[in-house]
Amino acid sequence: MVQEDSSLPPLESTYKEMKVPQLNISSTGLSRTPISGGVQSATRFHELPPPSVAVRNLVEQAKYCQLSTTMSSMHHRRAGYPFGSLVDFAMDSTGRPIFSFSPLAIHTRNIMADPRSSMVVQMPGWSGLSNARVTIMGDIYPLPEEAQALAKEIFERKHTRATHSHQWGSATFFRMGYISDIYFVGGFGTVQFVDVQKYLTTPPDAIVKTTTAQSPEIVITELNKRFEGKLKHVLSIENGIDIDDCLIVSIDKL
């Protein structure tokens, strides 16, 4: 049984009054198992965290995602086409994304007509296709009024007014309450669908969680201050070339 965030209303009470249209969706034929046969061996060989943990760590550290929604009928000739937006987000304790949307945004209007969405999250310091990213697919709904204050509190741990995309007063908080699939590309042959139940019940590494006392950004900044010179020296020796600059961009418990 998946444990809900104890402070947010359970999914049943949140969505029981919502009428979701019955959709006739045929199977895509994609197996929800690793596409690459090297996933397990690569994880062991490179001492990487399990994919479920890697995804939780990634989404805890990232602040922004590329959100895809379906253009609603109000957009006439554009209706039915995927619409991409760059939005900020935060995660609740179970790994479900929380969003702060303006009622004027196109993606907000699309979601109100069709909650099915997907979000692509890239690792901090993204520099190319060899870096980790994850696609999370699911249904996004506005949180009920009684959950808005808590959602704002969760959101403010990660974002400030200065970095947030619009004023708090005009925002409504939404959550991807139902996650249908998670597709993870982690490098080193790690390309697979991650089991959703395992993801929802797997906590992120403590070092990447944002609290009142620390955040991944603070930890990474301090690590770079302390070890940038030593890292450049070690990498220069190992690669046989002079390294001009290097930065730590992501962390986990390893």
Protein backbone atom coordinates (compact mmCIF):
# COMPACT_ATOMS: atom_id res chain seq x y z
CA MET A 1 0.00 0.00 0.00
CA VAL A 2 1.42 3.40 -0.99
CA GLN A 3 1.61 5.84 1.91
CA GLU A 4 0.15 9.26 1.21
CA ASP A 5 1.64 12.48 2.54
CA SER A 6 0.04 12.51 5.98
CA SER A 7 -0.52 16.25 5.85
CA LEU A 8 -2.29 16.30 2.51
CA PRO A 9 -5.78 14.88 2.02
CA PRO A 10 -5.82 11.31 0.66
CA LEU A 11 -6.26 10.96 -3.06
CA GLU A 12 -9.71 9.46 -2.64
CA SER A 13 -11.06 12.48 -0.77
CA THR A 14 -9.25 14.90 -3.06
CA TYR A 15 -10.59 13.52 -6.31
CA LYS A 16 -13.76 11.62 -5.48
CA GLU A 17 -15.97 14.52 -6.53
CA MET A 18 -14.16 15.03 -9.83
CA LYS A 19 -15.67 13.57 -12.94
CA VAL A 20 -12.86 12.26 -15.11
CA PRO A 21 -13.89 11.35 -18.65
CA GLN A 22 -13.59 7.69 -19.58
CA LEU A 23 -10.87 7.40 -22.15
CA ASN A 24 -10.49 4.60 -24.64
CA ILE A 25 -6.73 4.21 -24.75
CA SER A 26 -5.17 1.23 -26.48
CA SER A 27 -1.94 -0.31 -25.25
CA THR A 28 1.20 1.15 -26.75
CA GLY A 29 2.94 -2.18 -26.47
CA LEU A 30 5.78 -0.68 -24.44
CA SER A 31 6.94 -3.05 -21.72
CA ARG A 32 7.36 -1.49 -18.31
CA THR A 33 10.66 -3.25 -17.84
CA PRO A 34 14.20 -2.08 -18.57
CA ILE A 35 14.70 -1.42 -22.27
CA SER A 36 18.46 -1.76 -21.93
CA GLY A 37 19.80 -5.13 -20.83
CA GLY A 38 22.72 -3.35 -19.18
CA VAL A 39 20.72 -1.49 -16.55
CA GLN A 40 21.43 -3.75 -13.60
CA SER A 41 25.07 -4.40 -14.44
CA ALA A 42 25.72 -0.71 -15.10
CA THR A 43 24.16 0.25 -11.77
CA ARG A 44 26.40 -2.21 -9.92
CA PHE A 45 29.57 -1.50 -11.91
CA HIS A 46 29.40 2.28 -11.51
CA GLU A 47 28.07 2.12 -7.93
CA LEU A 48 25.00 4.11 -8.92
CA PRO A 49 21.92 4.33 -6.69
CA PRO A 50 18.95 2.16 -7.76
CA PRO A 51 16.81 3.87 -10.45
CA SER A 52 13.95 4.56 -8.00
CA VAL A 53 16.34 6.35 -5.65
CA ALA A 54 18.11 8.13 -8.53
CA VAL A 55 14.79 9.53 -9.74
CA ARG A 56 13.77 10.68 -6.25
CA ASN A 57 17.16 12.37 -5.85
CA LEU A 58 16.89 14.03 -9.25
CA VAL A 59 13.44 15.52 -8.72
CA GLU A 60 14.33 16.68 -5.20
CA GLN A 61 17.30 18.66 -6.50
CA ALA A 62 15.73 20.06 -9.67
CA LYS A 63 13.56 23.19 -9.53
CA TYR A 64 12.13 23.35 -13.03
CA CYS A 65 10.63 20.97 -15.55
CA GLN A 66 9.27 20.94 -19.07
CA LEU A 67 5.55 20.30 -18.72
CA SER A 68 3.54 18.93 -21.63
CA THR A 69 -0.24 19.27 -21.76
CA THR A 70 -2.82 18.81 -24.52
CA MET A 71 -4.23 21.92 -26.14
CA SER A 72 -7.92 22.15 -25.27
CA SER A 73 -10.79 22.73 -27.67
CA MET A 74 -10.85 26.43 -26.79
CA HIS A 75 -7.73 26.77 -28.92
CA HIS A 76 -9.64 25.70 -32.04
CA ARG A 77 -7.18 24.63 -34.79
CA ARG A 78 -4.48 23.98 -32.18
CA ALA A 79 -6.69 21.63 -30.17
CA GLY A 80 -5.20 18.20 -29.55
CA TYR A 81 -1.59 19.20 -30.10
CA PRO A 82 0.92 18.83 -27.25
CA PHE A 83 1.83 22.12 -25.59
CA GLY A 84 5.16 22.51 -23.78
CA SER A 85 5.78 24.90 -20.88
CA LEU A 86 8.72 25.54 -18.60
CA VAL A 87 7.39 25.56 -15.02
CA ASP A 88 8.70 25.36 -11.46
CA PHE A 89 7.65 22.55 -9.13
CA ALA A 90 8.24 20.96 -5.74
CA MET A 91 7.71 17.43 -4.44
CA ASP A 92 5.53 16.25 -1.58
CA SER A 93 6.83 13.58 0.81
CA THR A 94 5.66 10.74 -1.47
CA GLY A 95 7.36 12.12 -4.59
CA ARG A 96 4.24 13.56 -6.19
CA PRO A 97 4.90 16.87 -7.96
CA ILE A 98 3.22 20.06 -6.77
CA PHE A 99 2.83 23.00 -9.14
CA SER A 100 1.85 26.65 -8.71
CA PHE A 101 -0.16 27.74 -11.75
CA SER A 102 -1.58 31.05 -12.84
CA PRO A 103 -5.22 30.83 -13.98
CA LEU A 104 -4.20 32.75 -17.11
CA ALA A 105 -1.57 30.26 -18.24
CA ILE A 106 -2.34 28.10 -21.26
CA HIS A 107 -1.15 24.95 -19.50
CA THR A 108 -3.56 25.65 -16.62
CA ARG A 109 -6.51 25.86 -19.00
CA ASN A 110 -5.35 22.71 -20.80
CA ILE A 111 -5.12 20.77 -17.53
CA MET A 112 -8.60 21.84 -16.47
CA ALA A 113 -9.92 20.32 -19.70
CA ASP A 114 -7.68 17.22 -19.71
CA PRO A 115 -5.53 16.37 -16.66
CA ARG A 116 -3.22 13.98 -18.54
CA SER A 117 0.25 15.48 -18.59
CA SER A 118 3.93 14.66 -18.63
CA MET A 119 6.92 16.43 -17.16
CA VAL A 120 10.57 16.13 -18.13
CA VAL A 121 13.05 16.89 -15.36
CA GLN A 122 16.75 17.33 -16.09
CA MET A 123 19.51 16.99 -13.54
CA PRO A 124 20.96 20.27 -12.19
CA GLY A 125 23.91 21.44 -14.27
CA TRP A 126 22.55 19.76 -17.41
CA SER A 127 25.22 19.78 -20.12
CA GLY A 128 24.08 17.23 -22.69
CA LEU A 129 22.28 14.00 -23.52
CA SER A 130 24.66 11.93 -21.42
CA ASN A 131 23.21 13.56 -18.30
CA ALA A 132 20.32 12.16 -16.28
CA ARG A 133 16.68 13.07 -16.94
CA VAL A 134 13.30 11.59 -16.16
CA THR A 135 9.84 11.76 -17.74
CA ILE A 136 6.94 11.46 -15.30
CA MET A 137 3.45 10.91 -16.75
CA GLY A 138 0.21 11.29 -14.87
CA ASP A 139 -2.91 13.31 -14.09
CA ILE A 140 -2.73 16.81 -12.60
CA TYR A 141 -5.60 18.31 -10.61
CA PRO A 142 -6.04 21.47 -8.51
CA LEU A 143 -5.67 20.73 -4.81
CA PRO A 144 -8.76 21.44 -2.67
CA GLU A 145 -8.93 24.71 -0.77
CA GLU A 146 -8.01 23.11 2.55
CA ALA A 147 -4.73 21.79 1.08
CA GLN A 148 -3.62 25.05 -0.58
CA ALA A 149 -1.81 26.45 2.48
CA LEU A 150 0.23 23.29 3.01
CA ALA A 151 1.08 23.08 -0.68
CA LYS A 152 2.33 26.67 -0.51
CA GLU A 153 4.50 25.79 2.49
CA ILE A 154 6.03 22.83 0.63
CA PHE A 155 6.57 24.99 -2.44
CA GLU A 156 8.24 27.81 -0.49
CA ARG A 157 10.89 25.43 0.87
CA LYS A 158 12.22 25.18 -2.67
CA HIS A 159 11.25 28.49 -4.26
CA THR A 160 11.25 32.10 -3.16
CA ARG A 161 9.25 35.01 -4.52
CA ALA A 162 12.37 36.13 -6.38
CA THR A 163 12.73 32.84 -8.27
CA HIS A 164 9.04 31.97 -8.63
CA SER A 165 7.46 32.50 -12.03
CA HIS A 166 4.54 34.64 -10.82
CA GLN A 167 3.11 36.27 -7.71
CA TRP A 168 1.88 33.90 -4.99
CA GLY A 169 -1.43 35.70 -4.63
CA SER A 170 -2.69 34.76 -8.10
CA ALA A 171 -1.50 31.17 -7.99
CA THR A 172 -3.45 27.97 -7.41
CA PHE A 173 -1.58 24.87 -6.32
CA PHE A 174 -1.98 21.69 -8.34
CA ARG A 175 -0.62 18.19 -7.79
CA MET A 176 0.07 15.21 -10.03
CA GLY A 177 -1.95 12.97 -7.72
CA TYR A 178 -1.92 10.02 -10.08
CA ILE A 179 1.40 8.94 -11.64
CA SER A 180 0.95 6.46 -14.47
CA ASP A 181 4.55 5.93 -15.63
CA ILE A 182 8.12 7.00 -14.96
CA TYR A 183 10.75 6.78 -17.69
CA PHE A 184 14.33 7.29 -16.51
CA VAL A 185 17.46 7.92 -18.56
CA GLY A 186 20.43 7.98 -16.22
CA GLY A 187 23.44 7.42 -18.44
CA PHE A 188 25.73 4.37 -18.45
CA GLY A 189 22.99 2.35 -20.18
CA THR A 190 20.39 3.13 -17.50
CA VAL A 191 17.30 3.52 -19.65
CA GLN A 192 14.11 2.07 -18.20
CA PHE A 193 10.57 2.45 -16.94
CA VAL A 194 10.72 2.70 -13.14
CA ASP A 195 8.06 0.92 -11.13
CA VAL A 196 5.70 3.64 -9.88
CA GLN A 197 4.84 1.95 -6.59
CA LYS A 198 8.53 1.45 -5.82
CA TYR A 199 9.23 5.09 -6.62
CA LEU A 200 6.41 6.32 -4.36
CA THR A 201 7.61 4.22 -1.42
CA THR A 202 11.34 4.95 -1.85
CA PRO A 203 12.62 7.99 0.07
CA PRO A 204 15.30 10.18 -1.49
CA ASP A 205 18.75 10.29 0.06
CA ALA A 206 18.69 12.55 3.12
CA ILE A 207 21.46 14.78 1.76
CA VAL A 208 19.32 15.97 -1.19
CA LYS A 209 16.22 16.86 0.81
CA THR A 210 15.43 20.53 1.34
CA THR A 211 14.88 21.42 5.01
CA THR A 212 14.97 24.61 7.03
CA ALA A 213 18.62 23.87 7.87
CA GLN A 214 19.98 22.79 4.49
CA SER A 215 19.31 22.45 0.80
CA PRO A 216 21.14 20.62 -2.02
CA GLU A 217 22.23 24.00 -3.39
CA ILE A 218 23.89 24.97 -0.11
CA VAL A 219 25.66 21.60 0.18
CA ILE A 220 26.90 21.69 -3.44
CA THR A 221 28.09 25.30 -3.11
CA GLU A 222 30.07 24.43 0.01
CA LEU A 223 31.57 21.30 -1.60
CA ASN A 224 32.70 23.32 -4.60
CA LYS A 225 34.28 25.94 -2.35
CA ARG A 226 36.22 23.31 -0.42
CA PHE A 227 37.20 20.86 -3.13
CA GLU A 228 37.26 22.60 -6.53
CA GLY A 229 41.05 22.94 -6.51
CA LYS A 230 41.66 19.36 -5.40
CA LEU A 231 39.21 18.01 -7.97
CA LYS A 232 40.92 19.91 -10.79
CA HIS A 233 44.29 18.53 -9.67
CA VAL A 234 43.06 14.91 -9.48
CA LEU A 235 41.22 15.10 -12.81
CA SER A 236 44.22 16.68 -14.52
CA ILE A 237 46.46 13.83 -13.38
CA GLU A 238 43.97 11.08 -14.29
CA ASN A 239 43.20 12.51 -17.74
CA GLY A 240 46.69 13.71 -18.60
CA ILE A 241 45.47 17.20 -19.49
CA ASP A 242 45.15 20.51 -17.71
CA ILE A 243 41.62 20.96 -16.32
CA ASP A 244 40.65 24.63 -16.28
CA ASP A 245 37.43 24.27 -14.36
CA CYS A 246 35.22 21.63 -12.77
CA LEU A 247 32.08 21.78 -10.66
CA ILE A 248 30.02 19.39 -8.58
CA VAL A 249 26.49 19.64 -9.96
CA SER A 250 24.66 16.78 -8.21
CA ILE A 251 24.98 14.72 -5.04
CA ASP A 252 23.70 11.53 -3.43
CA LYS A 253 24.61 9.49 -0.37
CA LEU A 254 27.48 7.76 -2.20
